[in-house]
N, C-alpha and C. Protein backbone atom coordinates (compact mmCIF):
# COMPACT_ATOMS: atom_id res chain seq x y z
N UNK A 1 65.10 37.17 113.64
CA UNK A 1 64.73 38.17 112.64
C UNK A 1 63.65 37.61 111.71
N UNK A 2 62.71 38.45 111.29
CA UNK A 2 61.67 37.97 110.39
C UNK A 2 62.24 37.62 109.02
N UNK A 3 61.62 36.64 108.36
CA UNK A 3 62.01 36.31 106.99
C UNK A 3 61.36 37.30 106.04
N UNK A 4 62.18 37.91 105.18
CA UNK A 4 61.70 38.96 104.29
C UNK A 4 62.11 38.67 102.85
N UNK A 5 61.33 39.19 101.92
CA UNK A 5 61.72 39.11 100.52
C UNK A 5 62.83 40.13 100.24
N UNK A 6 63.56 39.87 99.18
CA UNK A 6 64.66 40.75 98.78
C UNK A 6 64.30 41.39 97.45
N UNK A 7 64.17 42.71 97.41
CA UNK A 7 63.75 43.35 96.15
C UNK A 7 64.83 43.29 95.08
N UNK A 8 64.38 43.10 93.85
CA UNK A 8 65.26 43.17 92.68
C UNK A 8 65.14 44.56 92.07
N UNK A 9 66.04 44.90 91.19
CA UNK A 9 65.98 46.21 90.53
C UNK A 9 66.43 46.09 89.09
N UNK A 10 65.87 46.97 88.28
CA UNK A 10 66.25 47.05 86.88
C UNK A 10 67.48 47.93 86.75
N UNK A 11 68.58 47.34 86.29
CA UNK A 11 69.79 48.11 86.03
C UNK A 11 70.62 47.36 85.00
N UNK A 12 71.69 47.95 84.56
CA UNK A 12 72.45 47.38 83.44
C UNK A 12 73.45 46.32 83.86
N UNK A 13 73.79 46.20 85.14
CA UNK A 13 74.73 45.19 85.65
C UNK A 13 76.08 45.27 84.93
N UNK A 14 76.56 46.51 84.73
CA UNK A 14 77.79 46.68 83.95
C UNK A 14 79.01 46.04 84.63
N UNK A 15 79.06 46.06 85.95
CA UNK A 15 80.21 45.48 86.65
C UNK A 15 80.28 43.97 86.44
N UNK A 16 79.10 43.34 86.38
CA UNK A 16 79.04 41.89 86.16
C UNK A 16 79.29 41.55 84.70
N UNK A 17 78.67 42.28 83.80
CA UNK A 17 78.76 41.96 82.38
C UNK A 17 80.15 42.22 81.80
N UNK A 18 80.76 43.33 82.20
CA UNK A 18 82.07 43.72 81.68
C UNK A 18 82.08 43.74 80.14
N UNK A 19 81.04 44.33 79.58
CA UNK A 19 80.95 44.48 78.13
C UNK A 19 80.38 43.30 77.39
N UNK A 20 80.13 42.21 78.08
CA UNK A 20 79.59 41.02 77.42
C UNK A 20 78.06 41.12 77.33
N UNK A 21 77.50 40.54 76.29
CA UNK A 21 76.08 40.75 76.02
C UNK A 21 75.19 39.62 76.51
N UNK A 22 75.54 38.37 76.21
CA UNK A 22 74.65 37.24 76.47
C UNK A 22 75.17 36.37 77.62
N UNK A 23 74.21 35.80 78.34
CA UNK A 23 74.51 34.80 79.36
C UNK A 23 73.77 33.53 78.98
N UNK A 24 74.41 32.37 79.16
CA UNK A 24 73.86 31.10 78.67
C UNK A 24 73.51 30.14 79.80
N UNK A 25 72.48 29.35 79.56
CA UNK A 25 72.07 28.30 80.50
C UNK A 25 71.60 27.07 79.72
N UNK A 26 71.71 25.91 80.35
CA UNK A 26 70.99 24.72 79.91
C UNK A 26 69.68 24.70 80.70
N UNK A 27 68.57 24.45 80.02
CA UNK A 27 67.28 24.52 80.70
C UNK A 27 66.26 23.62 80.02
N UNK A 28 65.23 23.29 80.77
CA UNK A 28 64.06 22.62 80.20
C UNK A 28 63.09 23.72 79.77
N UNK A 29 62.74 23.71 78.51
CA UNK A 29 61.79 24.69 77.98
C UNK A 29 60.38 24.22 78.34
N UNK A 30 59.75 24.92 79.30
CA UNK A 30 58.41 24.56 79.77
C UNK A 30 57.39 25.61 79.37
N UNK A 31 57.62 26.25 78.24
CA UNK A 31 56.75 27.33 77.78
C UNK A 31 55.48 26.74 77.17
N UNK A 32 54.58 26.33 78.05
CA UNK A 32 53.30 25.72 77.66
C UNK A 32 52.17 26.68 78.02
N UNK A 33 51.03 26.58 77.32
CA UNK A 33 49.91 27.50 77.62
C UNK A 33 49.45 27.45 79.08
N UNK A 34 49.39 26.24 79.67
CA UNK A 34 48.89 26.17 81.05
C UNK A 34 49.84 26.83 82.04
N UNK A 35 51.15 26.66 81.86
CA UNK A 35 52.10 27.30 82.75
C UNK A 35 52.19 28.80 82.51
N UNK A 36 52.12 29.23 81.25
CA UNK A 36 52.09 30.66 80.96
C UNK A 36 50.88 31.32 81.61
N UNK A 37 49.71 30.67 81.47
CA UNK A 37 48.48 31.24 82.01
C UNK A 37 48.52 31.30 83.54
N UNK A 38 48.98 30.22 84.16
CA UNK A 38 49.06 30.20 85.63
C UNK A 38 50.02 31.26 86.14
N UNK A 39 51.15 31.43 85.47
CA UNK A 39 52.12 32.45 85.87
C UNK A 39 51.51 33.85 85.75
N UNK A 40 50.82 34.10 84.64
CA UNK A 40 50.20 35.41 84.42
C UNK A 40 49.11 35.68 85.45
N UNK A 41 48.32 34.66 85.78
CA UNK A 41 47.23 34.85 86.73
C UNK A 41 47.74 35.18 88.13
N UNK A 42 48.75 34.48 88.57
CA UNK A 42 49.25 34.71 89.93
C UNK A 42 49.98 36.05 90.01
N UNK A 43 50.62 36.47 88.93
CA UNK A 43 51.23 37.81 88.92
C UNK A 43 50.15 38.89 88.93
N UNK A 44 49.07 38.69 88.19
CA UNK A 44 48.00 39.68 88.14
C UNK A 44 47.29 39.79 89.49
N UNK A 45 47.10 38.66 90.16
CA UNK A 45 46.38 38.65 91.43
C UNK A 45 47.15 39.37 92.53
N UNK A 46 48.48 39.35 92.43
CA UNK A 46 49.33 39.95 93.46
C UNK A 46 50.30 40.95 92.83
N UNK A 47 49.75 41.82 91.99
CA UNK A 47 50.57 42.67 91.12
C UNK A 47 51.53 43.57 91.90
N UNK A 48 51.18 43.97 93.10
CA UNK A 48 52.03 44.89 93.86
C UNK A 48 53.33 44.24 94.32
N UNK A 49 53.42 42.92 94.26
CA UNK A 49 54.61 42.22 94.74
C UNK A 49 55.77 42.26 93.74
N UNK A 50 55.46 42.39 92.44
CA UNK A 50 56.43 42.00 91.42
C UNK A 50 57.17 43.16 90.78
N UNK A 51 58.44 42.93 90.46
CA UNK A 51 59.20 43.85 89.64
C UNK A 51 58.57 43.89 88.25
N UNK A 52 58.23 45.08 87.74
CA UNK A 52 57.60 45.15 86.41
C UNK A 52 58.55 44.64 85.32
N UNK A 53 57.93 44.15 84.25
CA UNK A 53 58.69 43.80 83.06
C UNK A 53 59.23 42.39 83.01
N UNK A 54 58.80 41.52 83.95
CA UNK A 54 59.29 40.14 83.89
C UNK A 54 58.71 39.45 82.66
N UNK A 55 59.59 39.02 81.75
CA UNK A 55 59.14 38.45 80.47
C UNK A 55 59.76 37.09 80.20
N UNK A 56 60.38 36.50 81.20
CA UNK A 56 61.05 35.21 80.99
C UNK A 56 60.00 34.09 80.95
N UNK A 57 60.01 33.31 79.90
CA UNK A 57 59.01 32.26 79.74
C UNK A 57 59.26 31.11 80.74
N UNK A 58 58.23 30.30 81.03
CA UNK A 58 58.41 29.20 81.97
C UNK A 58 59.53 28.26 81.53
N UNK A 59 60.42 27.96 82.47
CA UNK A 59 61.57 27.11 82.18
C UNK A 59 62.11 26.58 83.50
N UNK A 60 62.93 25.56 83.40
CA UNK A 60 63.61 25.02 84.58
C UNK A 60 65.10 24.97 84.27
N UNK A 61 65.86 25.80 84.94
CA UNK A 61 67.30 25.84 84.69
C UNK A 61 67.95 24.56 85.20
N UNK A 62 68.67 23.88 84.32
CA UNK A 62 69.38 22.65 84.68
C UNK A 62 70.84 22.97 85.02
N UNK A 63 71.46 23.85 84.25
CA UNK A 63 72.85 24.20 84.50
C UNK A 63 73.17 25.60 84.04
N UNK A 64 73.84 26.36 84.88
CA UNK A 64 74.29 27.69 84.51
C UNK A 64 75.63 27.57 83.78
N UNK A 65 75.71 28.20 82.61
CA UNK A 65 76.93 28.10 81.80
C UNK A 65 77.86 29.28 82.06
N UNK A 66 77.44 30.48 81.70
CA UNK A 66 78.26 31.66 81.82
C UNK A 66 78.11 32.51 80.57
N UNK A 67 79.05 33.41 80.37
CA UNK A 67 79.04 34.28 79.19
C UNK A 67 79.73 33.56 78.03
N UNK A 68 79.00 33.23 76.96
CA UNK A 68 79.63 32.50 75.85
C UNK A 68 80.74 33.31 75.20
N UNK A 69 81.86 32.68 75.00
CA UNK A 69 83.02 33.30 74.35
C UNK A 69 83.71 32.21 73.52
N UNK A 70 84.38 32.61 72.45
CA UNK A 70 85.13 31.64 71.66
C UNK A 70 86.17 30.94 72.53
N UNK A 71 86.86 31.72 73.35
CA UNK A 71 87.87 31.20 74.27
C UNK A 71 87.66 31.84 75.64
N UNK A 72 87.67 31.05 76.70
CA UNK A 72 87.47 31.59 78.05
C UNK A 72 88.68 32.40 78.49
N UNK A 73 88.39 33.57 79.04
CA UNK A 73 89.45 34.42 79.59
C UNK A 73 89.18 34.80 81.04
N UNK A 74 87.90 34.87 81.40
CA UNK A 74 87.52 35.22 82.76
C UNK A 74 86.82 34.05 83.41
N UNK A 75 86.69 34.10 84.73
CA UNK A 75 86.17 32.96 85.48
C UNK A 75 84.75 32.60 85.07
N UNK A 76 83.96 33.59 84.70
CA UNK A 76 82.57 33.31 84.33
C UNK A 76 82.35 33.29 82.82
N UNK A 77 83.43 33.25 82.04
CA UNK A 77 83.29 32.98 80.60
C UNK A 77 82.92 31.52 80.39
N UNK A 78 82.27 31.27 79.26
CA UNK A 78 81.86 29.91 78.88
C UNK A 78 82.37 29.68 77.46
N UNK A 79 83.55 29.09 77.38
CA UNK A 79 84.19 28.92 76.08
C UNK A 79 83.54 27.85 75.22
N UNK A 80 83.78 27.95 73.92
CA UNK A 80 83.20 26.97 73.00
C UNK A 80 83.68 25.56 73.33
N UNK A 81 84.90 25.41 73.82
CA UNK A 81 85.41 24.09 74.19
C UNK A 81 84.59 23.48 75.32
N UNK A 82 84.17 24.31 76.26
CA UNK A 82 83.34 23.82 77.37
C UNK A 82 81.97 23.38 76.86
N UNK A 83 81.39 24.18 75.98
CA UNK A 83 80.11 23.81 75.36
C UNK A 83 80.24 22.47 74.63
N UNK A 84 81.28 22.31 73.84
CA UNK A 84 81.47 21.07 73.07
C UNK A 84 81.65 19.87 74.00
N UNK A 85 82.39 20.06 75.08
CA UNK A 85 82.60 18.96 76.03
C UNK A 85 81.29 18.55 76.68
N UNK A 86 80.43 19.51 76.99
CA UNK A 86 79.13 19.16 77.58
C UNK A 86 78.25 18.42 76.58
N UNK A 87 78.27 18.84 75.33
CA UNK A 87 77.50 18.13 74.31
C UNK A 87 78.01 16.69 74.15
N UNK A 88 79.32 16.52 74.15
CA UNK A 88 79.89 15.18 74.04
C UNK A 88 79.52 14.32 75.24
N UNK A 89 79.48 14.92 76.42
CA UNK A 89 79.10 14.19 77.63
C UNK A 89 77.64 13.74 77.55
N UNK A 90 76.79 14.59 77.01
CA UNK A 90 75.38 14.21 76.85
C UNK A 90 75.23 13.05 75.87
N UNK A 91 75.97 13.11 74.77
CA UNK A 91 75.92 12.02 73.79
C UNK A 91 76.39 10.72 74.43
N UNK A 92 77.49 10.77 75.17
CA UNK A 92 78.05 9.57 75.77
C UNK A 92 77.14 8.97 76.83
N UNK A 93 76.49 9.82 77.62
CA UNK A 93 75.64 9.33 78.71
C UNK A 93 74.28 8.85 78.22
N UNK A 94 73.81 9.40 77.10
CA UNK A 94 72.53 9.01 76.50
C UNK A 94 71.39 9.00 77.51
N UNK A 95 71.11 10.12 78.18
CA UNK A 95 70.00 10.15 79.14
C UNK A 95 68.67 9.95 78.44
N UNK A 96 67.76 9.26 79.12
CA UNK A 96 66.44 8.98 78.55
C UNK A 96 65.44 10.07 78.95
N UNK A 97 64.32 10.11 78.24
CA UNK A 97 63.22 10.99 78.63
C UNK A 97 62.77 10.65 80.05
N UNK A 98 62.20 11.63 80.74
CA UNK A 98 61.81 11.41 82.13
C UNK A 98 60.60 12.26 82.49
N UNK A 99 60.02 11.98 83.64
CA UNK A 99 58.84 12.70 84.11
C UNK A 99 59.20 13.60 85.29
N UNK A 100 58.50 14.72 85.38
CA UNK A 100 58.60 15.59 86.54
C UNK A 100 57.21 16.11 86.87
N UNK A 101 57.07 16.69 88.06
CA UNK A 101 55.78 17.24 88.47
C UNK A 101 55.94 18.68 88.90
N UNK A 102 55.13 19.57 88.31
CA UNK A 102 55.07 20.97 88.72
C UNK A 102 54.03 21.07 89.83
N UNK A 103 54.42 21.66 90.97
CA UNK A 103 53.53 21.69 92.12
C UNK A 103 53.24 23.09 92.62
N UNK A 104 53.00 23.21 93.92
CA UNK A 104 52.53 24.44 94.53
C UNK A 104 53.59 25.54 94.51
N UNK A 105 53.16 26.81 94.60
CA UNK A 105 54.13 27.91 94.66
C UNK A 105 55.00 27.84 95.91
N UNK A 106 56.22 28.32 95.75
CA UNK A 106 57.17 28.46 96.85
C UNK A 106 58.01 29.68 96.53
N UNK A 107 59.03 29.96 97.33
CA UNK A 107 59.75 31.20 97.11
C UNK A 107 61.18 31.16 97.62
N UNK A 108 62.07 31.77 96.86
CA UNK A 108 63.36 32.21 97.37
C UNK A 108 63.17 33.62 97.91
N UNK A 109 64.22 34.20 98.44
CA UNK A 109 64.10 35.57 98.96
C UNK A 109 63.80 36.56 97.84
N UNK A 110 64.36 36.32 96.65
CA UNK A 110 64.23 37.31 95.57
C UNK A 110 63.21 36.94 94.50
N UNK A 111 62.73 35.70 94.49
CA UNK A 111 61.87 35.25 93.39
C UNK A 111 60.88 34.19 93.86
N UNK A 112 59.70 34.23 93.26
CA UNK A 112 58.67 33.22 93.54
C UNK A 112 58.62 32.22 92.40
N UNK A 113 58.25 30.98 92.72
CA UNK A 113 58.31 29.92 91.70
C UNK A 113 57.30 28.82 91.99
N UNK A 114 57.03 28.03 90.95
CA UNK A 114 56.30 26.77 91.13
C UNK A 114 57.32 25.70 91.49
N UNK A 115 57.02 24.92 92.52
CA UNK A 115 57.92 23.86 92.95
C UNK A 115 57.94 22.72 91.93
N UNK A 116 59.00 21.93 91.96
CA UNK A 116 59.17 20.83 91.01
C UNK A 116 59.62 19.58 91.74
N UNK A 117 58.99 18.46 91.44
CA UNK A 117 59.42 17.15 91.95
C UNK A 117 60.11 16.39 90.80
N UNK A 118 61.31 15.96 91.07
CA UNK A 118 62.10 15.19 90.09
C UNK A 118 61.72 13.72 90.25
N UNK A 119 60.61 13.32 89.63
CA UNK A 119 59.99 12.03 89.91
C UNK A 119 60.89 10.84 89.60
N UNK A 120 61.68 10.92 88.55
CA UNK A 120 62.49 9.79 88.12
C UNK A 120 63.99 10.07 88.20
N UNK A 121 64.37 11.19 88.78
CA UNK A 121 65.78 11.52 88.89
C UNK A 121 66.40 12.05 87.61
N UNK A 122 65.57 12.41 86.64
CA UNK A 122 66.09 12.88 85.36
C UNK A 122 66.80 14.22 85.46
N UNK A 123 66.28 15.12 86.28
CA UNK A 123 66.92 16.43 86.47
C UNK A 123 68.30 16.24 87.08
N UNK A 124 68.36 15.43 88.13
CA UNK A 124 69.64 15.18 88.80
C UNK A 124 70.65 14.54 87.84
N UNK A 125 70.19 13.64 86.99
CA UNK A 125 71.10 13.00 86.04
C UNK A 125 71.66 14.01 85.05
N UNK A 126 70.81 14.86 84.50
CA UNK A 126 71.28 15.86 83.54
C UNK A 126 72.28 16.81 84.21
N UNK A 127 72.01 17.21 85.43
CA UNK A 127 72.92 18.11 86.13
C UNK A 127 74.28 17.44 86.35
N UNK A 128 74.25 16.16 86.67
CA UNK A 128 75.52 15.44 86.89
C UNK A 128 76.31 15.32 85.59
N UNK A 129 75.63 15.04 84.50
CA UNK A 129 76.30 14.94 83.20
C UNK A 129 76.97 16.26 82.84
N UNK A 130 76.24 17.36 82.99
CA UNK A 130 76.77 18.66 82.61
C UNK A 130 77.88 19.13 83.55
N UNK A 131 77.80 18.73 84.81
CA UNK A 131 78.80 19.18 85.79
C UNK A 131 80.11 18.43 85.66
N UNK A 132 80.08 17.23 85.11
CA UNK A 132 81.30 16.44 84.98
C UNK A 132 81.87 16.06 86.33
N UNK A 133 83.09 16.47 86.60
CA UNK A 133 83.77 16.10 87.84
C UNK A 133 83.52 17.08 88.97
N UNK A 134 82.65 18.05 88.77
CA UNK A 134 82.34 19.02 89.82
C UNK A 134 81.38 18.38 90.83
N UNK A 135 81.90 17.85 91.92
CA UNK A 135 81.09 17.14 92.89
C UNK A 135 80.19 18.04 93.72
N UNK A 136 80.43 19.35 93.67
CA UNK A 136 79.62 20.29 94.45
C UNK A 136 78.51 20.93 93.64
N UNK A 137 78.28 20.43 92.43
CA UNK A 137 77.33 21.09 91.52
C UNK A 137 75.92 21.13 92.08
N UNK A 138 75.52 20.15 92.87
CA UNK A 138 74.16 20.10 93.37
C UNK A 138 73.98 20.76 94.73
N UNK A 139 75.02 21.34 95.28
CA UNK A 139 74.91 21.96 96.60
C UNK A 139 73.91 23.11 96.55
N UNK A 140 72.82 22.97 97.31
CA UNK A 140 71.83 24.02 97.40
C UNK A 140 70.89 24.13 96.22
N UNK A 141 70.97 23.22 95.25
CA UNK A 141 70.12 23.31 94.07
C UNK A 141 68.68 22.93 94.41
N UNK A 142 67.73 23.76 93.97
CA UNK A 142 66.29 23.51 94.14
C UNK A 142 65.64 23.63 92.77
N UNK A 143 65.14 22.54 92.20
CA UNK A 143 64.47 22.66 90.90
C UNK A 143 63.21 23.52 91.04
N UNK A 144 63.01 24.43 90.09
CA UNK A 144 61.90 25.38 90.23
C UNK A 144 61.58 26.01 88.88
N UNK A 145 60.37 26.59 88.79
CA UNK A 145 59.92 27.33 87.61
C UNK A 145 59.53 28.73 88.08
N UNK A 146 60.42 29.69 87.91
CA UNK A 146 60.18 31.05 88.40
C UNK A 146 59.03 31.71 87.64
N UNK A 147 58.20 32.47 88.38
CA UNK A 147 57.15 33.24 87.70
C UNK A 147 57.17 34.72 88.08
N UNK A 148 58.03 35.14 89.00
CA UNK A 148 58.08 36.56 89.33
C UNK A 148 59.25 36.91 90.22
N UNK A 149 59.73 38.15 90.08
CA UNK A 149 60.79 38.70 90.92
C UNK A 149 60.18 39.78 91.81
N UNK A 150 60.56 39.83 93.06
CA UNK A 150 59.98 40.80 93.99
C UNK A 150 60.54 42.20 93.75
N UNK A 151 59.69 43.20 94.04
CA UNK A 151 60.12 44.59 93.89
C UNK A 151 60.17 45.32 95.23
N UNK A 152 59.82 44.65 96.33
CA UNK A 152 59.78 45.32 97.62
C UNK A 152 60.15 44.34 98.72
N UNK A 153 60.43 44.87 99.90
CA UNK A 153 60.67 44.06 101.09
C UNK A 153 59.32 43.70 101.69
N UNK A 154 59.04 42.40 101.76
CA UNK A 154 57.75 41.91 102.23
C UNK A 154 57.97 40.77 103.20
N UNK A 155 57.04 40.55 104.15
CA UNK A 155 57.17 39.40 105.05
C UNK A 155 56.95 38.09 104.29
N UNK A 156 57.97 37.29 104.19
CA UNK A 156 57.93 36.10 103.34
C UNK A 156 56.84 35.10 103.73
N UNK A 157 56.63 34.81 105.02
CA UNK A 157 55.55 33.86 105.35
C UNK A 157 54.18 34.33 104.86
N UNK A 158 53.91 35.64 104.94
CA UNK A 158 52.63 36.14 104.46
C UNK A 158 52.54 36.06 102.93
N UNK A 159 53.65 36.35 102.28
CA UNK A 159 53.69 36.24 100.82
C UNK A 159 53.42 34.80 100.39
N UNK A 160 54.07 33.85 101.05
CA UNK A 160 53.88 32.44 100.71
C UNK A 160 52.43 32.02 100.88
N UNK A 161 51.81 32.47 101.97
CA UNK A 161 50.40 32.13 102.20
C UNK A 161 49.53 32.67 101.08
N UNK A 162 49.80 33.89 100.65
CA UNK A 162 49.03 34.48 99.55
C UNK A 162 49.27 33.73 98.24
N UNK A 163 50.53 33.39 97.96
CA UNK A 163 50.83 32.67 96.73
C UNK A 163 50.07 31.36 96.66
N UNK A 164 50.07 30.64 97.76
CA UNK A 164 49.42 29.33 97.77
C UNK A 164 47.91 29.45 97.73
N UNK A 165 47.38 30.49 98.35
CA UNK A 165 45.93 30.70 98.32
C UNK A 165 45.45 31.09 96.92
N UNK A 166 46.30 31.78 96.18
CA UNK A 166 45.92 32.25 94.84
C UNK A 166 46.37 31.31 93.74
N UNK A 167 46.98 30.21 94.08
CA UNK A 167 47.55 29.32 93.07
C UNK A 167 46.49 28.76 92.12
N UNK A 168 46.60 29.04 90.81
CA UNK A 168 45.60 28.54 89.86
C UNK A 168 45.98 27.21 89.22
N UNK A 169 47.14 26.64 89.62
CA UNK A 169 47.67 25.49 88.88
C UNK A 169 47.58 24.21 89.71
N UNK A 170 46.79 23.22 89.28
CA UNK A 170 46.81 21.93 89.97
C UNK A 170 48.13 21.21 89.68
N UNK A 171 48.51 20.20 90.47
CA UNK A 171 49.74 19.45 90.18
C UNK A 171 49.75 18.97 88.73
N UNK A 172 50.86 19.17 88.07
CA UNK A 172 50.96 18.93 86.63
C UNK A 172 52.16 18.05 86.35
N UNK A 173 51.92 16.85 85.80
CA UNK A 173 53.01 15.95 85.46
C UNK A 173 53.35 16.09 83.97
N UNK A 174 54.66 16.20 83.69
CA UNK A 174 55.14 16.40 82.33
C UNK A 174 56.20 15.37 81.99
N UNK A 175 56.27 15.00 80.71
CA UNK A 175 57.36 14.18 80.21
C UNK A 175 58.33 15.07 79.46
N UNK A 176 59.60 14.98 79.83
CA UNK A 176 60.64 15.82 79.25
C UNK A 176 61.47 15.00 78.26
N UNK A 177 61.60 15.50 77.04
CA UNK A 177 62.36 14.79 76.03
C UNK A 177 63.49 15.58 75.41
N UNK A 178 63.62 16.87 75.81
CA UNK A 178 64.65 17.71 75.21
C UNK A 178 65.26 18.62 76.28
N UNK A 179 66.53 18.94 76.08
CA UNK A 179 67.26 19.87 76.93
C UNK A 179 67.69 21.04 76.06
N UNK A 180 67.25 22.22 76.41
CA UNK A 180 67.52 23.40 75.58
C UNK A 180 68.78 24.13 76.04
N UNK A 181 69.49 24.71 75.07
CA UNK A 181 70.59 25.63 75.36
C UNK A 181 70.10 27.01 75.01
N UNK A 182 70.04 27.89 76.01
CA UNK A 182 69.40 29.19 75.86
C UNK A 182 70.33 30.31 76.31
N UNK A 183 70.07 31.50 75.78
CA UNK A 183 70.79 32.69 76.23
C UNK A 183 69.78 33.79 76.53
N UNK A 184 70.24 34.76 77.32
CA UNK A 184 69.43 35.96 77.55
C UNK A 184 70.32 37.18 77.59
N UNK A 185 69.73 38.33 77.39
CA UNK A 185 70.46 39.60 77.43
C UNK A 185 70.82 39.88 78.89
N UNK A 186 72.11 39.90 79.19
CA UNK A 186 72.55 40.03 80.57
C UNK A 186 72.24 41.39 81.17
N UNK A 187 71.98 42.39 80.34
CA UNK A 187 71.69 43.73 80.84
C UNK A 187 70.23 43.90 81.23
N UNK A 188 69.40 42.89 81.01
CA UNK A 188 67.95 43.01 81.25
C UNK A 188 67.52 41.96 82.26
N UNK A 189 67.17 42.37 83.46
CA UNK A 189 66.72 41.42 84.46
C UNK A 189 65.32 40.92 84.10
N UNK A 190 65.14 39.61 84.10
CA UNK A 190 63.84 39.04 83.78
C UNK A 190 63.48 39.10 82.31
N UNK A 191 64.46 39.36 81.44
CA UNK A 191 64.17 39.40 80.01
C UNK A 191 63.97 38.02 79.43
N UNK A 192 63.44 37.92 78.22
CA UNK A 192 63.11 36.61 77.64
C UNK A 192 64.34 35.76 77.35
N UNK A 193 64.15 34.47 77.41
CA UNK A 193 65.17 33.50 77.01
C UNK A 193 65.08 33.28 75.51
N UNK A 194 66.23 33.14 74.87
CA UNK A 194 66.30 32.84 73.44
C UNK A 194 66.84 31.43 73.29
N UNK A 195 66.03 30.55 72.70
CA UNK A 195 66.46 29.15 72.54
C UNK A 195 67.34 29.04 71.31
N UNK A 196 68.63 28.77 71.54
CA UNK A 196 69.60 28.72 70.46
C UNK A 196 69.71 27.31 69.89
N UNK A 197 69.55 26.30 70.72
CA UNK A 197 69.64 24.92 70.28
C UNK A 197 69.05 24.00 71.32
N UNK A 198 68.97 22.71 70.99
CA UNK A 198 68.45 21.75 71.97
C UNK A 198 69.01 20.36 71.71
N UNK A 199 69.18 19.64 72.80
CA UNK A 199 69.65 18.26 72.75
C UNK A 199 68.44 17.35 72.89
N UNK A 200 68.22 16.50 71.88
CA UNK A 200 67.09 15.58 71.88
C UNK A 200 67.49 14.31 72.61
N UNK A 201 66.78 13.99 73.68
CA UNK A 201 67.15 12.83 74.48
C UNK A 201 66.89 11.52 73.74
N UNK A 202 65.93 11.51 72.82
CA UNK A 202 65.63 10.28 72.09
C UNK A 202 66.69 9.98 71.04
N UNK A 203 67.09 10.99 70.28
CA UNK A 203 68.06 10.76 69.20
C UNK A 203 69.50 10.91 69.65
N UNK A 204 69.72 11.58 70.80
CA UNK A 204 71.08 11.82 71.27
C UNK A 204 71.84 12.82 70.42
N UNK A 205 71.11 13.78 69.83
CA UNK A 205 71.75 14.76 68.95
C UNK A 205 71.42 16.18 69.40
N UNK A 206 72.40 17.07 69.25
CA UNK A 206 72.19 18.50 69.50
C UNK A 206 71.92 19.18 68.17
N UNK A 207 70.85 19.98 68.13
CA UNK A 207 70.49 20.71 66.92
C UNK A 207 70.51 22.20 67.19
N UNK A 208 71.24 22.93 66.36
CA UNK A 208 71.23 24.39 66.43
C UNK A 208 69.94 24.89 65.80
N UNK A 209 69.19 25.72 66.54
CA UNK A 209 67.91 26.22 66.06
C UNK A 209 68.00 27.66 65.55
N UNK A 210 69.05 28.37 65.95
CA UNK A 210 69.24 29.76 65.53
C UNK A 210 70.70 29.94 65.13
N UNK A 211 70.99 29.62 63.88
CA UNK A 211 72.39 29.57 63.41
C UNK A 211 73.13 30.89 63.58
N UNK A 212 72.48 31.99 63.20
CA UNK A 212 73.15 33.29 63.27
C UNK A 212 73.46 33.66 64.71
N UNK A 213 72.50 33.45 65.60
CA UNK A 213 72.72 33.77 67.01
C UNK A 213 73.77 32.87 67.62
N UNK A 214 73.76 31.60 67.27
CA UNK A 214 74.77 30.65 67.76
C UNK A 214 76.17 31.11 67.38
N UNK A 215 76.35 31.53 66.13
CA UNK A 215 77.65 32.01 65.67
C UNK A 215 78.05 33.29 66.38
N UNK A 216 77.05 34.16 66.61
CA UNK A 216 77.34 35.46 67.20
C UNK A 216 77.76 35.36 68.66
N UNK A 217 77.11 34.48 69.42
CA UNK A 217 77.43 34.42 70.86
C UNK A 217 78.80 33.84 71.12
N UNK A 218 79.34 33.05 70.17
CA UNK A 218 80.66 32.46 70.37
C UNK A 218 81.75 33.20 69.58
N UNK A 219 81.47 34.40 69.14
CA UNK A 219 82.47 35.19 68.43
C UNK A 219 83.64 35.51 69.39
């Protein structure tokens, strides 16, 4: 069978959300002018491919948390105790700053992205710290920086060829010094990420950047 893209759709995802508003992730905030510009250019060049309204800034998801709640009640809830344990694990492990490389476009069935090389193993280390004793946390994980979601069924090999031919971004090496804790509105596919706090790898401290939002998501 031919390899095809999988279209996404704008809907409220009520069955998944079950009345919950925010979904949380640990991520590297890569919202830089060069990555924003490259993402915008490749979306503009191949505008017919993409689901309209994608507004998520460049980032690299390190760990999926779940729906923040004061106390976990459902399997995909993310209780405050879990958040605190992950922060304590980061402090104890004291991961250092590290380098990564943003490379050529690639694609999942539902989304296109810039590929990422974990040059010093820093991404893998952060994922291991956050996962704790979950030995299967890295199964199938591919570090990536998404720039678009597909809106139609398309032949994936042809799409990949077009993405790479239109790629405006040369290989880009970055030094990472912070790990962000972010949330997004679960009812909006491709909506913007809100940076609630970040863990500084140099100081080993977590700082809340949006106090009101932090309190609200863990109500």
